Amino acid sequence: MLFDGVVFMGSTLSNLLYHIVFSTKIRQSDIVAGIGPELHRDIGGIVKGEGGILLEIGGMADHVQLVLKLKPVQPGVAWFFGHPGYGWC
């Protein structure tokens, strides 16, 4: 764009927020209180390692919920489902 002889570059703003719910197999209460914080820390590390930002994490004995932010250059949540150790590899 040209304005008074100055060229301005266009910019793009994106805010890709994802709400992901992981469930235990057949919704069994397998996430006991002792492993919850460690599980949350591990998942947070995976998200950070992939360049995402974990905004919230929580859940119950049968599921974990994540709210995370990804940059548009990342392939979306597909990378998470193919991560080693999550049953898809």
Protein backbone atom coordinates (compact mmCIF):
# COMPACT_ATOMS: atom_id res chain seq x y z
CA MET A 1 0.00 0.00 0.00
CA LEU A 2 1.35 3.45 -0.90
CA PHE A 3 0.49 6.44 1.29
CA ASP A 4 2.20 9.84 0.84
CA GLY A 5 5.16 8.19 -0.82
CA VAL A 6 5.63 5.64 2.00
CA VAL A 7 5.10 1.98 1.33
CA PHE A 8 3.30 0.06 4.09
CA MET A 9 3.37 -3.68 4.19
CA GLY A 10 0.19 -5.52 4.97
CA SER A 11 0.05 -7.50 8.16
CA THR A 12 -1.88 -10.48 9.32
CA LEU A 13 -3.22 -11.08 12.78
CA SER A 14 -4.13 -14.56 13.83
CA ASN A 15 -5.24 -16.02 17.14
CA LEU A 16 -5.68 -19.76 16.76
CA LEU A 17 -7.04 -21.19 19.99
CA TYR A 18 -7.81 -24.88 20.38
CA HIS A 19 -9.84 -26.70 23.01
CA ILE A 20 -8.76 -30.33 23.11
CA VAL A 21 -10.18 -33.09 25.29
CA PHE A 22 -8.30 -36.35 25.77
CA SER A 23 -10.23 -39.20 27.33
CA THR A 24 -9.03 -42.38 28.93
CA LYS A 25 -9.97 -45.64 27.27
CA ILE A 26 -13.73 -46.20 27.70
CA ARG A 27 -13.74 -43.24 30.13
CA GLN A 28 -12.27 -45.27 32.98
CA SER A 29 -11.11 -43.25 35.99
CA ASP A 30 -7.42 -43.98 35.40
CA ILE A 31 -5.96 -40.52 36.09
CA VAL A 32 -5.43 -40.69 39.83
CA ALA A 33 -4.73 -37.55 41.88
CA GLY A 34 -1.03 -38.36 42.26
CA ILE A 35 -0.23 -38.43 38.54
CA GLY A 36 -2.44 -35.51 37.45
CA PRO A 37 0.11 -32.72 38.05
CA GLU A 38 2.91 -34.73 36.44
CA LEU A 39 0.70 -35.54 33.44
CA HIS A 40 -0.22 -31.87 33.06
CA ARG A 41 3.45 -30.84 33.24
CA ASP A 42 4.42 -33.43 30.61
CA ILE A 43 1.66 -32.36 28.22
CA GLY A 44 2.63 -28.71 28.76
CA GLY A 45 6.21 -29.58 27.83
CA ILE A 46 5.08 -31.27 24.63
CA VAL A 47 2.99 -28.24 23.63
CA LYS A 48 5.89 -25.87 24.40
CA GLY A 49 8.34 -28.10 22.54
CA GLU A 50 6.14 -27.89 19.46
CA GLY A 51 6.08 -24.08 19.63
CA GLY A 52 2.59 -23.75 21.12
CA ILE A 53 1.42 -21.94 24.23
CA LEU A 54 -0.58 -23.86 26.80
CA LEU A 55 -3.14 -21.44 28.23
CA GLU A 56 -5.08 -23.80 30.51
CA ILE A 57 -4.97 -27.46 31.44
CA GLY A 58 -7.21 -29.44 33.73
CA GLY A 59 -9.55 -32.33 33.86
CA MET A 60 -11.00 -35.13 35.91
CA ALA A 61 -10.09 -38.76 36.56
CA ASP A 62 -11.32 -39.79 33.10
CA HIS A 63 -10.19 -36.91 30.86
CA VAL A 64 -7.78 -34.01 30.38
CA GLN A 65 -8.78 -30.69 28.79
CA LEU A 66 -6.35 -28.30 27.13
CA VAL A 67 -6.73 -24.78 25.81
CA LEU A 68 -3.73 -23.91 23.70
CA LYS A 69 -2.58 -21.42 21.15
CA LEU A 70 -0.74 -22.34 17.96
CA LYS A 71 0.92 -20.21 15.33
CA PRO A 72 -0.53 -20.49 11.81
CA VAL A 73 2.73 -22.03 10.51
CA GLN A 74 2.09 -25.11 12.66
CA PRO A 75 -0.02 -27.87 11.14
CA GLY A 76 -2.78 -27.47 13.73
CA VAL A 77 -3.57 -30.13 16.26
CA ALA A 78 -2.68 -32.97 13.90
CA TRP A 79 0.91 -32.95 15.19
CA PHE A 80 -0.33 -33.69 18.70
CA PHE A 81 -2.30 -36.76 17.75
CA GLY A 82 0.70 -38.26 15.98
CA HIS A 83 3.09 -37.62 18.87
CA PRO A 84 4.90 -40.74 20.12
CA GLY A 85 3.33 -42.17 23.23
CA TYR A 86 -0.21 -41.03 22.52
CA GLY A 87 -1.54 -44.17 20.92
CA TRP A 88 -1.49 -43.00 17.30
CA CYS A 89 2.05 -44.09 16.36
